[in-house]
Amino acid sequence: MKAEEYKRIIKEDNVLDFGTLKVTKEQLDKTGNKRLVAEIERIITDNKIDKPLSHNDQVTQETDFYLVDLDTDDIETIVSMFGDLEVGALGIGYETTRAASFYATMLDKWNDLPDYR
């Protein structure tokens, strides 16, 4: 794959980075949703977007991107989970906190997937 094609693909609407999937899997695991944990693991195993040969970090998983192919109900479950986490992380008087801001960012990434809009 050429670098230009890779850059185009990882900017597509149905692509998420490894860090987002890792945090999502960790949070789903805490809720006990084994089925969705397995789906995230499947995405990480099967849906990696190959890096171009010119990529400066071929082996680090943290720089990987993945095609997300979950159905709308699964994405809704994840969006709802991060919404609950965001609200739960608000401070006294419902002011934002660093954790609430982080969960809001995660929520936005999942909420922006085309199968959920």
PDB file of N, CA and C in Angstrom:
ATOM      1  N   MET A   1       0.844  -1.178   0.000  1.00  0.00           N
ATOM      2  CA  MET A   1       0.000   0.000   0.000  1.00  0.00           C
ATOM      3  C   MET A   1       0.887   1.239   0.000  1.00  0.00           C
ATOM      4  N   LYS A   2       0.478   2.225  -0.755  1.00  0.00           N
ATOM      5  CA  LYS A   2       1.225   3.472  -0.818  1.00  0.00           C
ATOM      6  C   LYS A   2       0.802   4.391   0.325  1.00  0.00           C
ATOM      7  N   ALA A   3       1.700   5.262   0.720  1.00  0.00           N
ATOM      8  CA  ALA A   3       1.464   6.162   1.846  1.00  0.00           C
ATOM      9  C   ALA A   3       0.225   7.027   1.644  1.00  0.00           C
ATOM     10  N   GLU A   4       0.007   7.518   0.436  1.00  0.00           N
ATOM     11  CA  GLU A   4      -1.147   8.379   0.164  1.00  0.00           C
ATOM     12  C   GLU A   4      -2.460   7.624   0.375  1.00  0.00           C
ATOM     13  N   GLU A   5      -2.496   6.383  -0.092  1.00  0.00           N
ATOM     14  CA  GLU A   5      -3.693   5.560   0.059  1.00  0.00           C
ATOM     15  C   GLU A   5      -3.949   5.268   1.545  1.00  0.00           C
ATOM     16  N   TYR A   6      -2.893   4.950   2.280  1.00  0.00           N
ATOM     17  CA  TYR A   6      -3.010   4.684   3.710  1.00  0.00           C
ATOM     18  C   TYR A   6      -3.578   5.904   4.437  1.00  0.00           C
ATOM     19  N   LYS A   7      -3.040   7.072   4.158  1.00  0.00           N
ATOM     20  CA  LYS A   7      -3.511   8.301   4.805  1.00  0.00           C
ATOM     21  C   LYS A   7      -4.985   8.544   4.504  1.00  0.00           C
ATOM     22  N   ARG A   8      -5.400   8.237   3.293  1.00  0.00           N
ATOM     23  CA  ARG A   8      -6.806   8.405   2.927  1.00  0.00           C
ATOM     24  C   ARG A   8      -7.686   7.409   3.680  1.00  0.00           C
ATOM     25  N   ILE A   9      -7.257   6.164   3.741  1.00  0.00           N
ATOM     26  CA  ILE A   9      -8.052   5.111   4.380  1.00  0.00           C
ATOM     27  C   ILE A   9      -8.222   5.368   5.873  1.00  0.00           C
ATOM     28  N   ILE A  10      -7.160   5.757   6.566  1.00  0.00           N
ATOM     29  CA  ILE A  10      -7.281   5.927   8.022  1.00  0.00           C
ATOM     30  C   ILE A  10      -8.100   7.159   8.407  1.00  0.00           C
ATOM     31  N   LYS A  11      -8.392   8.008   7.459  1.00  0.00           N
ATOM     32  CA  LYS A  11      -9.244   9.178   7.719  1.00  0.00           C
ATOM     33  C   LYS A  11     -10.717   8.883   7.442  1.00  0.00           C
ATOM     34  N   GLU A  12     -11.016   7.695   6.930  1.00  0.00           N
ATOM     35  CA  GLU A  12     -12.402   7.343   6.629  1.00  0.00           C
ATOM     36  C   GLU A  12     -13.222   7.267   7.916  1.00  0.00           C
ATOM     37  N   ASP A  13     -14.526   7.391   7.751  1.00  0.00           N
ATOM     38  CA  ASP A  13     -15.439   7.475   8.892  1.00  0.00           C
ATOM     39  C   ASP A  13     -15.543   6.198   9.719  1.00  0.00           C
ATOM     40  N   ASN A  14     -15.263   5.065   9.131  1.00  0.00           N
ATOM     41  CA  ASN A  14     -15.453   3.794   9.837  1.00  0.00           C
ATOM     42  C   ASN A  14     -14.135   3.207  10.345  1.00  0.00           C
ATOM     43  N   VAL A  15     -13.175   4.079  10.658  1.00  0.00           N
ATOM     44  CA  VAL A  15     -11.857   3.647  11.115  1.00  0.00           C
ATOM     45  C   VAL A  15     -11.576   4.252  12.491  1.00  0.00           C
ATOM     46  N   LEU A  16     -11.078   3.414  13.398  1.00  0.00           N
ATOM     47  CA  LEU A  16     -10.662   3.880  14.722  1.00  0.00           C
ATOM     48  C   LEU A  16      -9.235   3.420  14.998  1.00  0.00           C
ATOM     49  N   ASP A  17      -8.575   4.151  15.858  1.00  0.00           N
ATOM     50  CA  ASP A  17      -7.198   3.838  16.225  1.00  0.00           C
ATOM     51  C   ASP A  17      -7.156   2.782  17.330  1.00  0.00           C
ATOM     52  N   PHE A  18      -5.974   2.194  17.520  1.00  0.00           N
ATOM     53  CA  PHE A  18      -5.797   1.138  18.509  1.00  0.00           C
ATOM     54  C   PHE A  18      -6.139   1.618  19.917  1.00  0.00           C
ATOM     55  N   GLY A  19      -5.695   2.821  20.273  1.00  0.00           N
ATOM     56  CA  GLY A  19      -5.950   3.329  21.624  1.00  0.00           C
ATOM     57  C   GLY A  19      -7.431   3.399  21.946  1.00  0.00           C
ATOM     58  N   THR A  20      -8.225   3.846  21.002  1.00  0.00           N
ATOM     59  CA  THR A  20      -9.676   3.922  21.205  1.00  0.00           C
ATOM     60  C   THR A  20     -10.260   2.533  21.407  1.00  0.00           C
ATOM     61  N   LEU A  21      -9.837   1.593  20.582  1.00  0.00           N
ATOM     62  CA  LEU A  21     -10.354   0.226  20.720  1.00  0.00           C
ATOM     63  C   LEU A  21      -9.895  -0.417  22.021  1.00  0.00           C
ATOM     64  N   LYS A  22      -8.673  -0.145  22.425  1.00  0.00           N
ATOM     65  CA  LYS A  22      -8.141  -0.711  23.673  1.00  0.00           C
ATOM     66  C   LYS A  22      -8.938  -0.212  24.870  1.00  0.00           C
ATOM     67  N   VAL A  23      -9.154   1.094  24.948  1.00  0.00           N
ATOM     68  CA  VAL A  23      -9.925   1.659  26.066  1.00  0.00           C
ATOM     69  C   VAL A  23     -11.355   1.142  26.040  1.00  0.00           C
ATOM     70  N   THR A  24     -11.939   1.060  24.844  1.00  0.00           N
ATOM     71  CA  THR A  24     -13.303   0.549  24.717  1.00  0.00           C
ATOM     72  C   THR A  24     -13.390  -0.878  25.232  1.00  0.00           C
ATOM     73  N   LYS A  25     -12.444  -1.697  24.841  1.00  0.00           N
ATOM     74  CA  LYS A  25     -12.426  -3.090  25.299  1.00  0.00           C
ATOM     75  C   LYS A  25     -12.301  -3.165  26.822  1.00  0.00           C
ATOM     76  N   GLU A  26     -11.420  -2.349  27.394  1.00  0.00           N
ATOM     77  CA  GLU A  26     -11.239  -2.342  28.846  1.00  0.00           C
ATOM     78  C   GLU A  26     -12.525  -1.952  29.562  1.00  0.00           C
ATOM     79  N   GLN A  27     -13.202  -0.923  29.057  1.00  0.00           N
ATOM     80  CA  GLN A  27     -14.440  -0.471  29.695  1.00  0.00           C
ATOM     81  C   GLN A  27     -15.568  -1.488  29.517  1.00  0.00           C
ATOM     82  N   LEU A  28     -15.656  -2.097  28.341  1.00  0.00           N
ATOM     83  CA  LEU A  28     -16.663  -3.135  28.125  1.00  0.00           C
ATOM     84  C   LEU A  28     -16.412  -4.331  29.030  1.00  0.00           C
ATOM     85  N   ASP A  29     -15.154  -4.655  29.238  1.00  0.00           N
ATOM     86  CA  ASP A  29     -14.792  -5.757  30.125  1.00  0.00           C
ATOM     87  C   ASP A  29     -15.268  -5.466  31.554  1.00  0.00           C
ATOM     88  N   LYS A  30     -15.128  -4.213  31.972  1.00  0.00           N
ATOM     89  CA  LYS A  30     -15.587  -3.831  33.317  1.00  0.00           C
ATOM     90  C   LYS A  30     -17.098  -3.966  33.465  1.00  0.00           C
ATOM     91  N   THR A  31     -17.833  -3.787  32.353  1.00  0.00           N
ATOM     92  CA  THR A  31     -19.288  -3.923  32.417  1.00  0.00           C
ATOM     93  C   THR A  31     -19.738  -5.372  32.303  1.00  0.00           C
ATOM     94  N   GLY A  32     -18.803  -6.249  31.943  1.00  0.00           N
ATOM     95  CA  GLY A  32     -19.128  -7.658  31.807  1.00  0.00           C
ATOM     96  C   GLY A  32     -19.734  -8.032  30.461  1.00  0.00           C
ATOM     97  N   ASN A  33     -19.610  -7.151  29.486  1.00  0.00           N
ATOM     98  CA  ASN A  33     -20.176  -7.421  28.160  1.00  0.00           C
ATOM     99  C   ASN A  33     -19.185  -8.246  27.335  1.00  0.00           C
ATOM    100  N   LYS A  34     -19.174  -9.541  27.608  1.00  0.00           N
ATOM    101  CA  LYS A  34     -18.212 -10.444  26.977  1.00  0.00           C
ATOM    102  C   LYS A  34     -18.376 -10.505  25.449  1.00  0.00           C
ATOM    103  N   ARG A  35     -19.592 -10.408  24.972  1.00  0.00           N
ATOM    104  CA  ARG A  35     -19.824 -10.488  23.537  1.00  0.00           C
ATOM    105  C   ARG A  35     -19.179  -9.299  22.811  1.00  0.00           C
ATOM    106  N   LEU A  36     -19.368  -8.094  23.333  1.00  0.00           N
ATOM    107  CA  LEU A  36     -18.767  -6.930  22.691  1.00  0.00           C
ATOM    108  C   LEU A  36     -17.254  -6.889  22.886  1.00  0.00           C
ATOM    109  N   VAL A  37     -16.773  -7.388  24.013  1.00  0.00           N
ATOM    110  CA  VAL A  37     -15.316  -7.515  24.198  1.00  0.00           C
ATOM    111  C   VAL A  37     -14.754  -8.406  23.096  1.00  0.00           C
ATOM    112  N   ALA A  38     -15.429  -9.514  22.838  1.00  0.00           N
ATOM    113  CA  ALA A  38     -14.984 -10.434  21.782  1.00  0.00           C
ATOM    114  C   ALA A  38     -15.052  -9.764  20.403  1.00  0.00           C
ATOM    115  N   GLU A  39     -16.046  -8.942  20.177  1.00  0.00           N
ATOM    116  CA  GLU A  39     -16.153  -8.223  18.897  1.00  0.00           C
ATOM    117  C   GLU A  39     -14.997  -7.237  18.724  1.00  0.00           C
ATOM    118  N   ILE A  40     -14.638  -6.521  19.782  1.00  0.00           N
ATOM    119  CA  ILE A  40     -13.502  -5.588  19.705  1.00  0.00           C
ATOM    120  C   ILE A  40     -12.215  -6.371  19.477  1.00  0.00           C
ATOM    121  N   GLU A  41     -12.057  -7.500  20.162  1.00  0.00           N
ATOM    122  CA  GLU A  41     -10.876  -8.344  19.943  1.00  0.00           C
ATOM    123  C   GLU A  41     -10.821  -8.835  18.496  1.00  0.00           C
ATOM    124  N   ARG A  42     -11.976  -9.180  17.941  1.00  0.00           N
ATOM    125  CA  ARG A  42     -12.035  -9.622  16.546  1.00  0.00           C
ATOM    126  C   ARG A  42     -11.598  -8.498  15.601  1.00  0.00           C
ATOM    127  N   ILE A  43     -12.072  -7.299  15.866  1.00  0.00           N
ATOM    128  CA  ILE A  43     -11.678  -6.161  15.030  1.00  0.00           C
ATOM    129  C   ILE A  43     -10.170  -5.965  15.089  1.00  0.00           C
ATOM    130  N   ILE A  44      -9.607  -6.034  16.295  1.00  0.00           N
ATOM    131  CA  ILE A  44      -8.162  -5.852  16.457  1.00  0.00           C
ATOM    132  C   ILE A  44      -7.393  -6.965  15.745  1.00  0.00           C
ATOM    133  N   THR A  45      -7.906  -8.165  15.778  1.00  0.00           N
ATOM    134  CA  THR A  45      -7.234  -9.303  15.150  1.00  0.00           C
ATOM    135  C   THR A  45      -7.402  -9.325  13.629  1.00  0.00           C
ATOM    136  N   ASP A  46      -8.614  -9.042  13.153  1.00  0.00           N
ATOM    137  CA  ASP A  46      -8.938  -9.264  11.747  1.00  0.00           C
ATOM    138  C   ASP A  46      -9.009  -8.010  10.872  1.00  0.00           C
ATOM    139  N   ASN A  47      -9.193  -6.846  11.465  1.00  0.00           N
ATOM    140  CA  ASN A  47      -9.513  -5.661  10.662  1.00  0.00           C
ATOM    141  C   ASN A  47      -8.431  -4.591  10.669  1.00  0.00           C
ATOM    142  N   LYS A  48      -7.205  -4.975  10.934  1.00  0.00           N
ATOM    143  CA  LYS A  48      -6.108  -4.016  10.929  1.00  0.00           C
ATOM    144  C   LYS A  48      -5.877  -3.505   9.510  1.00  0.00           C
ATOM    145  N   ILE A  49      -5.660  -2.220   9.401  1.00  0.00           N
ATOM    146  CA  ILE A  49      -5.325  -1.618   8.117  1.00  0.00           C
ATOM    147  C   ILE A  49      -3.808  -1.670   7.984  1.00  0.00           C
ATOM    148  N   ASP A  50      -3.351  -2.336   6.947  1.00  0.00           N
ATOM    149  CA  ASP A  50      -1.911  -2.501   6.746  1.00  0.00           C
ATOM    150  C   ASP A  50      -1.233  -1.157   6.541  1.00  0.00           C
ATOM    151  N   LYS A  51      -0.099  -0.993   7.194  1.00  0.00           N
ATOM    152  CA  LYS A  51       0.697   0.232   7.051  1.00  0.00           C
ATOM    153  C   LYS A  51       1.537   0.140   5.775  1.00  0.00           C
ATOM    154  N   PRO A  52       1.792   1.280   5.172  1.00  0.00           N
ATOM    155  CA  PRO A  52       2.677   1.253   4.000  1.00  0.00           C
ATOM    156  C   PRO A  52       4.099   0.894   4.422  1.00  0.00           C
ATOM    157  N   LEU A  53       4.877   0.363   3.507  1.00  0.00           N
ATOM    158  CA  LEU A  53       6.261  -0.016   3.819  1.00  0.00           C
ATOM    159  C   LEU A  53       7.073   1.170   4.307  1.00  0.00           C
ATOM    160  N   SER A  54       6.695   2.360   3.888  1.00  0.00           N
ATOM    161  CA  SER A  54       7.436   3.558   4.281  1.00  0.00           C
ATOM    162  C   SER A  54       7.063   4.065   5.678  1.00  0.00           C
ATOM    163  N   HIS A  55       6.093   3.438   6.334  1.00  0.00           N
ATOM    164  CA  HIS A  55       5.676   3.879   7.678  1.00  0.00           C
ATOM    165  C   HIS A  55       6.851   3.740   8.631  1.00  0.00           C
ATOM    166  N   ASN A  56       7.071   4.749   9.459  1.00  0.00           N
ATOM    167  CA  ASN A  56       8.242   4.741  10.336  1.00  0.00           C
ATOM    168  C   ASN A  56       8.079   3.873  11.582  1.00  0.00           C
ATOM    169  N   ASP A  57       6.919   3.278  11.793  1.00  0.00           N
ATOM    170  CA  ASP A  57       6.717   2.431  12.968  1.00  0.00           C
ATOM    171  C   ASP A  57       5.857   1.232  12.596  1.00  0.00           C
ATOM    172  N   GLN A  58       6.455   0.279  11.948  1.00  0.00           N
ATOM    173  CA  GLN A  58       5.740  -0.898  11.448  1.00  0.00           C
ATOM    174  C   GLN A  58       5.257  -1.840  12.549  1.00  0.00           C
ATOM    175  N   VAL A  59       5.964  -1.900  13.668  1.00  0.00           N
ATOM    176  CA  VAL A  59       5.685  -2.960  14.642  1.00  0.00           C
ATOM    177  C   VAL A  59       4.878  -2.517  15.858  1.00  0.00           C
ATOM    178  N   THR A  60       4.777  -1.243  16.119  1.00  0.00           N
ATOM    179  CA  THR A  60       4.079  -0.773  17.310  1.00  0.00           C
ATOM    180  C   THR A  60       2.574  -0.768  17.090  1.00  0.00           C
ATOM    181  N   GLN A  61       1.871  -1.530  17.903  1.00  0.00           N
ATOM    182  CA  GLN A  61       0.420  -1.647  17.770  1.00  0.00           C
ATOM    183  C   GLN A  61      -0.287  -0.319  18.062  1.00  0.00           C
ATOM    184  N   GLU A  62       0.299   0.506  18.892  1.00  0.00           N
ATOM    185  CA  GLU A  62      -0.311   1.780  19.258  1.00  0.00           C
ATOM    186  C   GLU A  62      -0.487   2.712  18.061  1.00  0.00           C
ATOM    187  N   THR A  63       0.212   2.457  16.958  1.00  0.00           N
ATOM    188  CA  THR A  63       0.068   3.299  15.766  1.00  0.00           C
ATOM    189  C   THR A  63      -0.831   2.656  14.711  1.00  0.00           C
ATOM    190  N   ASP A  64      -1.513   1.588  15.076  1.00  0.00           N
ATOM    191  CA  ASP A  64      -2.373   0.873  14.132  1.00  0.00           C
ATOM    192  C   ASP A  64      -3.781   1.474  14.079  1.00  0.00           C
ATOM    193  N   PHE A  65      -4.428   1.284  12.930  1.00  0.00           N
ATOM    194  CA  PHE A  65      -5.811   1.682  12.721  1.00  0.00           C
ATOM    195  C   PHE A  65      -6.592   0.470  12.250  1.00  0.00           C
ATOM    196  N   TYR A  66      -7.921   0.491  12.524  1.00  0.00           N
ATOM    197  CA  TYR A  66      -8.760  -0.671  12.250  1.00  0.00           C
ATOM    198  C   TYR A  66     -10.091  -0.257  11.638  1.00  0.00           C
ATOM    199  N   LEU A  67     -10.572  -1.094  10.737  1.00  0.00           N
ATOM    200  CA  LEU A  67     -11.891  -0.918  10.156  1.00  0.00           C
ATOM    201  C   LEU A  67     -12.925  -1.429  11.158  1.00  0.00           C
ATOM    202  N   VAL A  68     -13.868  -0.591  11.523  1.00  0.00           N
ATOM    203  CA  VAL A  68     -14.911  -0.964  12.480  1.00  0.00           C
ATOM    204  C   VAL A  68     -16.147  -1.387  11.700  1.00  0.00           C
ATOM    205  N   ASP A  69     -16.586  -2.616  11.940  1.00  0.00           N
ATOM    206  CA  ASP A  69     -17.724  -3.160  11.210  1.00  0.00           C
ATOM    207  C   ASP A  69     -18.821  -3.674  12.147  1.00  0.00           C
ATOM    208  N   LEU A  70     -19.022  -2.971  13.244  1.00  0.00           N
ATOM    209  CA  LEU A  70     -20.073  -3.346  14.184  1.00  0.00           C
ATOM    210  C   LEU A  70     -21.414  -2.840  13.691  1.00  0.00           C
ATOM    211  N   ASP A  71     -22.488  -3.491  14.132  1.00  0.00           N
ATOM    212  CA  ASP A  71     -23.810  -3.012  13.730  1.00  0.00           C
ATOM    213  C   ASP A  71     -24.241  -1.844  14.625  1.00  0.00           C
ATOM    214  N   THR A  72     -25.308  -1.197  14.231  1.00  0.00           N
ATOM    215  CA  THR A  72     -25.779   0.014  14.904  1.00  0.00           C
ATOM    216  C   THR A  72     -26.072  -0.235  16.382  1.00  0.00           C
ATOM    217  N   ASP A  73     -26.676  -1.361  16.713  1.00  0.00           N
ATOM    218  CA  ASP A  73     -27.004  -1.645  18.111  1.00  0.00           C
ATOM    219  C   ASP A  73     -25.745  -1.762  18.973  1.00  0.00           C
ATOM    220  N   ASP A  74     -24.706  -2.382  18.440  1.00  0.00           N
ATOM    221  CA  ASP A  74     -23.459  -2.511  19.192  1.00  0.00           C
ATOM    222  C   ASP A  74     -22.802  -1.148  19.402  1.00  0.00           C
ATOM    223  N   ILE A  75     -22.807  -0.331  18.362  1.00  0.00           N
ATOM    224  CA  ILE A  75     -22.229   1.007  18.487  1.00  0.00           C
ATOM    225  C   ILE A  75     -23.037   1.817  19.493  1.00  0.00           C
ATOM    226  N   GLU A  76     -24.353   1.671  19.461  1.00  0.00           N
ATOM    227  CA  GLU A  76     -25.215   2.379  20.412  1.00  0.00           C
ATOM    228  C   GLU A  76     -24.890   1.976  21.852  1.00  0.00           C
ATOM    229  N   THR A  77     -24.629   0.711  22.072  1.00  0.00           N
ATOM    230  CA  THR A  77     -24.258   0.237  23.403  1.00  0.00           C
ATOM    231  C   THR A  77     -22.966   0.895  23.871  1.00  0.00           C
ATOM    232  N   ILE A  78     -22.003   1.001  22.976  1.00  0.00           N
ATOM    233  CA  ILE A  78     -20.715   1.610  23.321  1.00  0.00           C
ATOM    234  C   ILE A  78     -20.877   3.111  23.558  1.00  0.00           C
ATOM    235  N   VAL A  79     -21.640   3.789  22.710  1.00  0.00           N
ATOM    236  CA  VAL A  79     -21.897   5.221  22.886  1.00  0.00           C
ATOM    237  C   VAL A  79     -22.575   5.465  24.234  1.00  0.00           C
ATOM    238  N   SER A  80     -23.553   4.655  24.549  1.00  0.00           N
ATOM    239  CA  SER A  80     -24.263   4.784  25.823  1.00  0.00           C
ATOM    240  C   SER A  80     -23.315   4.577  27.006  1.00  0.00           C
ATOM    241  N   MET A  81     -22.441   3.583  26.887  1.00  0.00           N
ATOM    242  CA  MET A  81     -21.480   3.310  27.957  1.00  0.00           C
ATOM    243  C   MET A  81     -20.588   4.521  28.197  1.00  0.00           C
ATOM    244  N   PHE A  82     -20.031   5.091  27.125  1.00  0.00           N
ATOM    245  CA  PHE A  82     -19.152   6.248  27.296  1.00  0.00           C
ATOM    246  C   PHE A  82     -19.921   7.486  27.760  1.00  0.00           C
ATOM    247  N   GLY A  83     -21.184   7.609  27.371  1.00  0.00           N
ATOM    248  CA  GLY A  83     -22.018   8.699  27.888  1.00  0.00           C
ATOM    249  C   GLY A  83     -22.203   8.581  29.384  1.00  0.00           C
ATOM    250  N   ASP A  84     -22.484   7.364  29.846  1.00  0.00           N
ATOM    251  CA  ASP A  84     -22.628   7.125  31.288  1.00  0.00           C
ATOM    252  C   ASP A  84     -21.322   7.402  32.022  1.00  0.00           C
ATOM    253  N   LEU A  85     -20.207   6.982  31.437  1.00  0.00           N
ATOM    254  CA  LEU A  85     -18.901   7.221  32.061  1.00  0.00           C
ATOM    255  C   LEU A  85     -18.595   8.714  32.135  1.00  0.00           C
ATOM    256  N   GLU A  86     -18.943   9.443  31.081  1.00  0.00           N
ATOM    257  CA  GLU A  86     -18.714  10.893  31.082  1.00  0.00           C
ATOM    258  C   GLU A  86     -19.510  11.559  32.204  1.00  0.00           C
ATOM    259  N   VAL A  87     -20.785  11.250  32.284  1.00  0.00           N
ATOM    260  CA  VAL A  87     -21.634  11.844  33.318  1.00  0.00           C
ATOM    261  C   VAL A  87     -21.144  11.447  34.706  1.00  0.00           C
ATOM    262  N   GLY A  88     -20.745  10.196  34.866  1.00  0.00           N
ATOM    263  CA  GLY A  88     -20.253   9.725  36.161  1.00  0.00           C
ATOM    264  C   GLY A  88     -18.944  10.360  36.581  1.00  0.00           C
ATOM    265  N   ALA A  89     -18.202  10.901  35.627  1.00  0.00           N
ATOM    266  CA  ALA A  89     -16.903  11.504  35.933  1.00  0.00           C
ATOM    267  C   ALA A  89     -16.988  13.018  36.141  1.00  0.00           C
ATOM    268  N   LEU A  90     -18.200  13.585  36.001  1.00  0.00           N
ATOM    269  CA  LEU A  90     -18.344  15.018  36.244  1.00  0.00           C
ATOM    270  C   LEU A  90     -18.101  15.327  37.713  1.00  0.00           C
ATOM    271  N   GLY A  91     -17.593  16.510  37.968  1.00  0.00           N
ATOM    272  CA  GLY A  91     -17.292  16.912  39.336  1.00  0.00           C
ATOM    273  C   GLY A  91     -18.516  17.429  40.065  1.00  0.00           C
ATOM    274  N   ILE A  92     -18.270  17.920  41.278  1.00  0.00           N
ATOM    275  CA  ILE A  92     -19.333  18.523  42.077  1.00  0.00           C
ATOM    276  C   ILE A  92     -19.888  19.710  41.295  1.00  0.00           C
ATOM    277  N   GLY A  93     -21.180  19.839  41.251  1.00  0.00           N
ATOM    278  CA  GLY A  93     -21.798  20.894  40.469  1.00  0.00           C
ATOM    279  C   GLY A  93     -21.783  20.598  38.978  1.00  0.00           C
ATOM    280  N   TYR A  94     -21.484  19.370  38.632  1.00  0.00           N
ATOM    281  CA  TYR A  94     -21.479  18.885  37.246  1.00  0.00           C
ATOM    282  C   TYR A  94     -20.481  19.602  36.350  1.00  0.00           C
ATOM    283  N   GLU A  95     -19.385  20.115  36.935  1.00  0.00           N
ATOM    284  CA  GLU A  95     -18.356  20.708  36.086  1.00  0.00           C
ATOM    285  C   GLU A  95     -17.516  19.589  35.477  1.00  0.00           C
ATOM    286  N   THR A  96     -16.932  19.923  34.340  1.00  0.00           N
ATOM    287  CA  THR A  96     -16.148  18.920  33.640  1.00  0.00           C
ATOM    288  C   THR A  96     -14.854  18.628  34.399  1.00  0.00           C
ATOM    289  N   THR A  97     -14.398  17.435  34.232  1.00  0.00           N
ATOM    290  CA  THR A  97     -13.129  17.010  34.817  1.00  0.00           C
ATOM    291  C   THR A  97     -12.286  16.428  33.680  1.00  0.00           C
ATOM    292  N   ARG A  98     -11.050  16.141  33.979  1.00  0.00           N
ATOM    293  CA  ARG A  98     -10.193  15.532  32.962  1.00  0.00           C
ATOM    294  C   ARG A  98     -10.769  14.197  32.500  1.00  0.00           C
ATOM    295  N   ALA A  99     -11.254  13.395  33.447  1.00  0.00           N
ATOM    296  CA  ALA A  99     -11.830  12.089  33.099  1.00  0.00           C
ATOM    297  C   ALA A  99     -13.098  12.266  32.268  1.00  0.00           C
ATOM    298  N   ALA A 100     -13.953  13.211  32.640  1.00  0.00           N
ATOM    299  CA  ALA A 100     -15.187  13.445  31.883  1.00  0.00           C
ATOM    300  C   ALA A 100     -14.858  13.889  30.462  1.00  0.00           C
ATOM    301  N   SER A 101     -13.861  14.722  30.320  1.00  0.00           N
ATOM    302  CA  SER A 101     -13.436  15.176  28.995  1.00  0.00           C
ATOM    303  C   SER A 101     -12.899  14.010  28.161  1.00  0.00           C
ATOM    304  N   PHE A 102     -12.141  13.126  28.792  1.00  0.00           N
ATOM    305  CA  PHE A 102     -11.617  11.949  28.096  1.00  0.00           C
ATOM    306  C   PHE A 102     -12.758  11.067  27.606  1.00  0.00           C
ATOM    307  N   TYR A 103     -13.723  10.786  28.483  1.00  0.00           N
ATOM    308  CA  TYR A 103     -14.845   9.939  28.076  1.00  0.00           C
ATOM    309  C   TYR A 103     -15.693  10.618  27.001  1.00  0.00           C
ATOM    310  N   ALA A 104     -15.799  11.942  27.043  1.00  0.00           N
ATOM    311  CA  ALA A 104     -16.526  12.673  26.003  1.00  0.00           C
ATOM    312  C   ALA A 104     -15.834  12.505  24.657  1.00  0.00           C
ATOM    313  N   THR A 105     -14.514  12.529  24.656  1.00  0.00           N
ATOM    314  CA  THR A 105     -13.756  12.322  23.424  1.00  0.00           C
ATOM    315  C   THR A 105     -13.999  10.913  22.888  1.00  0.00           C
ATOM    316  N   MET A 106     -13.979   9.925  23.758  1.00  0.00           N
ATOM    317  CA  MET A 106     -14.245   8.548  23.337  1.00  0.00           C
ATOM    318  C   MET A 106     -15.667   8.434  22.782  1.00  0.00           C
ATOM    319  N   LEU A 107     -16.620   9.036  23.465  1.00  0.00           N
ATOM    320  CA  LEU A 107     -18.003   9.027  23.020  1.00  0.00           C
ATOM    321  C   LEU A 107     -18.116   9.642  21.632  1.00  0.00           C
ATOM    322  N   ASP A 108     -17.445  10.764  21.410  1.00  0.00           N
ATOM    323  CA  ASP A 108     -17.488  11.430  20.104  1.00  0.00           C
ATOM    324  C   ASP A 108     -16.927  10.544  18.995  1.00  0.00           C
ATOM    325  N   LYS A 109     -15.836   9.843  19.284  1.00  0.00           N
ATOM    326  CA  LYS A 109     -15.243   8.976  18.256  1.00  0.00           C
ATOM    327  C   LYS A 109     -16.225   7.891  17.832  1.00  0.00           C
ATOM    328  N   TRP A 110     -16.889   7.264  18.785  1.00  0.00           N
ATOM    329  CA  TRP A 110     -17.844   6.215  18.457  1.00  0.00           C
ATOM    330  C   TRP A 110     -19.116   6.800  17.854  1.00  0.00           C
ATOM    331  N   ASN A 111     -19.536   7.938  18.365  1.00  0.00           N
ATOM    332  CA  ASN A 111     -20.755   8.578  17.881  1.00  0.00           C
ATOM    333  C   ASN A 111     -20.619   9.037  16.429  1.00  0.00           C
ATOM    334  N   ASP A 112     -19.404   9.296  15.989  1.00  0.00           N
ATOM    335  CA  ASP A 112     -19.157   9.769  14.625  1.00  0.00           C
ATOM    336  C   ASP A 112     -19.089   8.648  13.590  1.00  0.00           C
ATOM    337  N   LEU A 113     -19.138   7.400  14.019  1.00  0.00           N
ATOM    338  CA  LEU A 113     -19.103   6.304  13.053  1.00  0.00           C
ATOM    339  C   LEU A 113     -20.347   6.354  12.164  1.00  0.00           C
ATOM    340  N   PRO A 114     -20.191   6.109  10.879  1.00  0.00           N
ATOM    341  CA  PRO A 114     -21.314   6.264   9.940  1.00  0.00           C
ATOM    342  C   PRO A 114     -22.492   5.338  10.228  1.00  0.00           C
ATOM    343  N   ASP A 115     -22.246   4.172  10.792  1.00  0.00           N
ATOM    344  CA  ASP A 115     -23.361   3.249  11.076  1.00  0.00           C
ATOM    345  C   ASP A 115     -24.189   3.698  12.259  1.00  0.00           C
ATOM    346  N   TYR A 116     -23.736   4.721  12.965  1.00  0.00           N
ATOM    347  CA  TYR A 116     -24.478   5.184  14.123  1.00  0.00           C
ATOM    348  C   TYR A 116     -25.194   6.503  13.865  1.00  0.00           C
ATOM    349  N   ARG A 117     -24.666   7.307  12.952  1.00  0.00           N
ATOM    350  CA  ARG A 117     -25.262   8.629  12.697  1.00  0.00           C
ATOM    351  C   ARG A 117     -26.670   8.557  12.224  1.00  0.00           C
TER     352      ARG A 117
END
